[in-house]
Amino acid sequence: MSNIHKFKVEPIEGHQACAKVTVDGEQCLCSSYKIEHYAGSLPMVNINLVADVQYEQDVGINIVNLHEIASLMDKKTFKEFCRVWEDIHDEA
């Protein structure tokens, strides 16, 4: 079973098509989310997170919120992440 997290969606006043999304009390910038809930099981939420970067320069990248990202993944998701990472970086 995956880790259980507190997921909250609130409307943004004056913006019907937008919502404030928080996971474990931390606001997330996401492009979409999908909630699936079947009888007899915990709800599952699929979240597409956004990295909103508007800067162009050759730089090194250091992801500072690895703990938060890792805390949202169960072992199966982490293994899938590693497979995707290897696919991307083996091509480069």
N, C-alpha and C. Protein backbone atom coordinates (compact mmCIF):
# COMPACT_ATOMS: atom_id res chain seq x y z
N MET A 1 0.85 -1.18 0.00
CA MET A 1 0.00 0.00 0.00
C MET A 1 0.89 1.24 0.00
N SER A 2 0.45 2.27 -0.64
CA SER A 2 1.21 3.52 -0.71
C SER A 2 1.09 4.29 0.60
N ASN A 3 1.96 5.30 0.76
CA ASN A 3 1.86 6.18 1.91
C ASN A 3 0.54 6.92 1.88
N ILE A 4 0.01 7.23 3.04
CA ILE A 4 -1.25 7.97 3.13
C ILE A 4 -0.92 9.42 3.42
N HIS A 5 -1.54 10.33 2.67
CA HIS A 5 -1.27 11.76 2.79
C HIS A 5 -2.57 12.53 2.93
N LYS A 6 -2.49 13.69 3.51
CA LYS A 6 -3.64 14.59 3.64
C LYS A 6 -3.72 15.40 2.34
N PHE A 7 -4.77 15.21 1.55
CA PHE A 7 -4.97 15.89 0.27
C PHE A 7 -6.16 16.82 0.39
N LYS A 8 -5.97 18.07 0.00
CA LYS A 8 -7.04 19.05 0.13
C LYS A 8 -7.12 19.91 -1.13
N VAL A 9 -8.35 20.12 -1.60
CA VAL A 9 -8.59 20.99 -2.76
C VAL A 9 -9.59 22.05 -2.32
N GLU A 10 -9.25 23.32 -2.59
CA GLU A 10 -10.13 24.43 -2.25
C GLU A 10 -10.32 25.31 -3.48
N PRO A 11 -11.52 25.81 -3.69
CA PRO A 11 -11.72 26.74 -4.82
C PRO A 11 -10.98 28.05 -4.56
N ILE A 12 -10.58 28.69 -5.65
CA ILE A 12 -9.97 30.02 -5.58
C ILE A 12 -11.04 31.01 -5.98
N GLU A 13 -11.38 31.89 -5.08
CA GLU A 13 -12.47 32.84 -5.31
C GLU A 13 -12.23 33.65 -6.58
N GLY A 14 -13.22 33.70 -7.44
CA GLY A 14 -13.13 34.46 -8.68
C GLY A 14 -12.46 33.70 -9.82
N HIS A 15 -12.02 32.47 -9.58
CA HIS A 15 -11.36 31.66 -10.61
C HIS A 15 -11.96 30.26 -10.57
N GLN A 16 -13.10 30.10 -11.21
CA GLN A 16 -13.84 28.83 -11.14
C GLN A 16 -13.05 27.65 -11.69
N ALA A 17 -12.18 27.89 -12.66
CA ALA A 17 -11.45 26.79 -13.28
C ALA A 17 -10.17 26.43 -12.53
N CYS A 18 -9.87 27.14 -11.44
CA CYS A 18 -8.64 26.91 -10.70
C CYS A 18 -8.95 26.43 -9.29
N ALA A 19 -7.96 25.81 -8.67
CA ALA A 19 -8.13 25.34 -7.30
C ALA A 19 -6.80 25.40 -6.57
N LYS A 20 -6.86 25.60 -5.27
CA LYS A 20 -5.68 25.55 -4.41
C LYS A 20 -5.55 24.10 -3.94
N VAL A 21 -4.42 23.48 -4.24
CA VAL A 21 -4.18 22.08 -3.90
C VAL A 21 -3.08 22.00 -2.86
N THR A 22 -3.34 21.27 -1.77
CA THR A 22 -2.30 21.06 -0.76
C THR A 22 -2.17 19.57 -0.48
N VAL A 23 -0.92 19.15 -0.23
CA VAL A 23 -0.62 17.79 0.17
C VAL A 23 0.15 17.88 1.48
N ASP A 24 -0.37 17.26 2.49
CA ASP A 24 0.22 17.30 3.83
C ASP A 24 0.47 18.74 4.29
N GLY A 25 -0.47 19.63 3.96
CA GLY A 25 -0.38 21.02 4.39
C GLY A 25 0.51 21.91 3.55
N GLU A 26 1.19 21.34 2.56
CA GLU A 26 2.07 22.11 1.68
C GLU A 26 1.37 22.35 0.35
N GLN A 27 1.30 23.61 -0.07
CA GLN A 27 0.64 23.94 -1.33
C GLN A 27 1.45 23.41 -2.50
N CYS A 28 0.76 22.83 -3.48
CA CYS A 28 1.39 22.27 -4.68
C CYS A 28 0.95 23.07 -5.89
N LEU A 29 1.84 23.26 -6.83
CA LEU A 29 1.48 23.83 -8.11
C LEU A 29 1.35 22.65 -9.07
N CYS A 30 0.11 22.38 -9.46
CA CYS A 30 -0.11 21.23 -10.33
C CYS A 30 -0.99 21.63 -11.51
N SER A 31 -0.80 20.94 -12.63
CA SER A 31 -1.58 21.24 -13.82
C SER A 31 -2.89 20.45 -13.83
N SER A 32 -2.91 19.34 -13.10
CA SER A 32 -4.14 18.55 -13.03
C SER A 32 -4.04 17.56 -11.88
N TYR A 33 -5.19 17.09 -11.47
CA TYR A 33 -5.25 15.98 -10.52
C TYR A 33 -6.48 15.15 -10.86
N LYS A 34 -6.40 13.88 -10.53
CA LYS A 34 -7.51 12.97 -10.80
C LYS A 34 -7.72 12.13 -9.55
N ILE A 35 -8.92 12.16 -9.01
CA ILE A 35 -9.24 11.39 -7.81
C ILE A 35 -10.02 10.15 -8.23
N GLU A 36 -9.56 8.99 -7.78
CA GLU A 36 -10.26 7.73 -8.01
C GLU A 36 -10.59 7.13 -6.66
N HIS A 37 -11.84 6.75 -6.48
CA HIS A 37 -12.25 6.17 -5.22
C HIS A 37 -13.22 5.03 -5.49
N TYR A 38 -12.79 3.84 -5.14
CA TYR A 38 -13.61 2.66 -5.33
C TYR A 38 -14.06 2.14 -3.96
N ALA A 39 -15.25 1.63 -3.89
CA ALA A 39 -15.79 1.10 -2.64
C ALA A 39 -14.82 0.09 -2.04
N GLY A 40 -14.59 0.23 -0.75
CA GLY A 40 -13.73 -0.71 -0.05
C GLY A 40 -12.25 -0.41 -0.13
N SER A 41 -11.87 0.69 -0.76
CA SER A 41 -10.45 1.02 -0.84
C SER A 41 -10.24 2.51 -0.58
N LEU A 42 -9.00 2.88 -0.25
CA LEU A 42 -8.68 4.28 -0.03
C LEU A 42 -8.74 5.03 -1.35
N PRO A 43 -9.12 6.30 -1.33
CA PRO A 43 -9.06 7.10 -2.55
C PRO A 43 -7.61 7.24 -3.02
N MET A 44 -7.41 7.32 -4.33
CA MET A 44 -6.10 7.55 -4.92
C MET A 44 -6.17 8.85 -5.72
N VAL A 45 -5.12 9.65 -5.63
CA VAL A 45 -5.05 10.90 -6.38
C VAL A 45 -3.81 10.86 -7.26
N ASN A 46 -3.99 11.08 -8.55
CA ASN A 46 -2.88 11.23 -9.49
C ASN A 46 -2.68 12.72 -9.71
N ILE A 47 -1.45 13.21 -9.46
CA ILE A 47 -1.16 14.64 -9.54
C ILE A 47 -0.08 14.88 -10.59
N ASN A 48 -0.32 15.85 -11.48
CA ASN A 48 0.70 16.30 -12.42
C ASN A 48 1.28 17.60 -11.86
N LEU A 49 2.50 17.50 -11.29
CA LEU A 49 3.14 18.66 -10.69
C LEU A 49 3.77 19.53 -11.77
N VAL A 50 3.86 20.82 -11.51
CA VAL A 50 4.40 21.79 -12.46
C VAL A 50 5.68 22.38 -11.91
N ALA A 51 6.68 22.45 -12.75
CA ALA A 51 7.89 23.20 -12.43
C ALA A 51 7.83 24.46 -13.28
N ASP A 52 7.48 25.56 -12.68
CA ASP A 52 7.26 26.82 -13.40
C ASP A 52 8.55 27.63 -13.43
N VAL A 53 9.39 27.35 -14.43
CA VAL A 53 10.69 28.01 -14.52
C VAL A 53 10.70 28.93 -15.73
N GLN A 54 11.06 30.18 -15.50
CA GLN A 54 11.17 31.14 -16.59
C GLN A 54 12.53 31.82 -16.50
N TYR A 55 13.57 31.05 -16.80
CA TYR A 55 14.94 31.52 -16.71
C TYR A 55 15.74 30.70 -17.70
N GLU A 56 16.56 31.33 -18.49
CA GLU A 56 17.34 30.59 -19.48
C GLU A 56 18.81 30.89 -19.30
N GLN A 57 19.56 29.86 -18.93
CA GLN A 57 20.99 30.00 -18.69
C GLN A 57 21.54 28.59 -18.49
N ASP A 58 22.80 28.37 -18.81
CA ASP A 58 23.42 27.09 -18.48
C ASP A 58 23.68 27.07 -16.98
N VAL A 59 23.09 26.13 -16.30
CA VAL A 59 23.21 26.06 -14.84
C VAL A 59 23.28 24.61 -14.39
N GLY A 60 23.71 24.41 -13.17
CA GLY A 60 23.57 23.12 -12.51
C GLY A 60 22.25 23.13 -11.77
N ILE A 61 21.61 21.98 -11.69
CA ILE A 61 20.31 21.89 -11.03
C ILE A 61 20.46 21.08 -9.74
N ASN A 62 19.96 21.64 -8.66
CA ASN A 62 19.91 20.95 -7.38
C ASN A 62 18.47 20.97 -6.91
N ILE A 63 17.85 19.81 -6.83
CA ILE A 63 16.46 19.72 -6.38
C ILE A 63 16.47 19.73 -4.85
N VAL A 64 15.95 20.79 -4.27
CA VAL A 64 16.05 20.97 -2.82
C VAL A 64 14.92 20.31 -2.05
N ASN A 65 13.85 19.92 -2.70
CA ASN A 65 12.73 19.31 -1.98
C ASN A 65 12.64 17.81 -2.24
N LEU A 66 13.79 17.14 -2.33
CA LEU A 66 13.79 15.70 -2.55
C LEU A 66 13.04 14.96 -1.45
N HIS A 67 13.16 15.44 -0.23
CA HIS A 67 12.46 14.78 0.88
C HIS A 67 10.95 14.80 0.65
N GLU A 68 10.43 15.95 0.24
CA GLU A 68 8.99 16.05 0.00
C GLU A 68 8.55 15.17 -1.16
N ILE A 69 9.35 15.15 -2.22
CA ILE A 69 9.03 14.31 -3.38
C ILE A 69 9.06 12.84 -2.98
N ALA A 70 10.12 12.44 -2.28
CA ALA A 70 10.26 11.04 -1.87
C ALA A 70 9.15 10.62 -0.91
N SER A 71 8.72 11.53 -0.05
CA SER A 71 7.69 11.18 0.92
C SER A 71 6.34 10.90 0.26
N LEU A 72 6.15 11.38 -0.96
CA LEU A 72 4.90 11.14 -1.67
C LEU A 72 4.90 9.83 -2.45
N MET A 73 6.08 9.18 -2.56
CA MET A 73 6.19 7.97 -3.37
C MET A 73 6.19 6.72 -2.51
N ASP A 74 5.45 5.71 -2.97
CA ASP A 74 5.62 4.39 -2.37
C ASP A 74 6.72 3.68 -3.15
N LYS A 75 7.05 2.48 -2.73
CA LYS A 75 8.17 1.75 -3.35
C LYS A 75 7.93 1.50 -4.85
N LYS A 76 6.70 1.14 -5.21
CA LYS A 76 6.38 0.87 -6.62
C LYS A 76 6.57 2.13 -7.47
N THR A 77 6.09 3.28 -6.96
CA THR A 77 6.24 4.54 -7.69
C THR A 77 7.70 4.92 -7.81
N PHE A 78 8.48 4.71 -6.75
CA PHE A 78 9.91 5.02 -6.79
C PHE A 78 10.62 4.17 -7.83
N LYS A 79 10.30 2.88 -7.88
CA LYS A 79 10.93 2.01 -8.89
C LYS A 79 10.56 2.47 -10.31
N GLU A 80 9.30 2.88 -10.51
CA GLU A 80 8.88 3.40 -11.81
C GLU A 80 9.62 4.69 -12.13
N PHE A 81 9.78 5.57 -11.13
CA PHE A 81 10.55 6.80 -11.30
C PHE A 81 11.97 6.48 -11.74
N CYS A 82 12.61 5.51 -11.08
CA CYS A 82 13.98 5.13 -11.44
C CYS A 82 14.06 4.60 -12.87
N ARG A 83 13.05 3.81 -13.27
CA ARG A 83 13.03 3.28 -14.63
C ARG A 83 12.91 4.42 -15.64
N VAL A 84 12.03 5.38 -15.37
CA VAL A 84 11.86 6.52 -16.26
C VAL A 84 13.13 7.35 -16.31
N TRP A 85 13.75 7.59 -15.15
CA TRP A 85 14.98 8.36 -15.08
C TRP A 85 16.07 7.70 -15.93
N GLU A 86 16.22 6.37 -15.79
CA GLU A 86 17.23 5.65 -16.57
C GLU A 86 16.93 5.72 -18.06
N ASP A 87 15.65 5.60 -18.45
CA ASP A 87 15.28 5.74 -19.87
C ASP A 87 15.69 7.10 -20.41
N ILE A 88 15.42 8.13 -19.66
CA ILE A 88 15.74 9.50 -20.10
C ILE A 88 17.25 9.71 -20.19
N HIS A 89 17.98 9.30 -19.16
CA HIS A 89 19.41 9.59 -19.10
C HIS A 89 20.26 8.64 -19.91
N ASP A 90 19.75 7.45 -20.21
CA ASP A 90 20.48 6.54 -21.09
C ASP A 90 20.43 7.02 -22.53
N GLU A 91 19.38 7.80 -22.87
CA GLU A 91 19.24 8.33 -24.22
C GLU A 91 20.18 9.51 -24.46
N ALA A 92 20.53 10.24 -23.40
CA ALA A 92 21.34 11.46 -23.54
C ALA A 92 22.78 11.16 -23.89
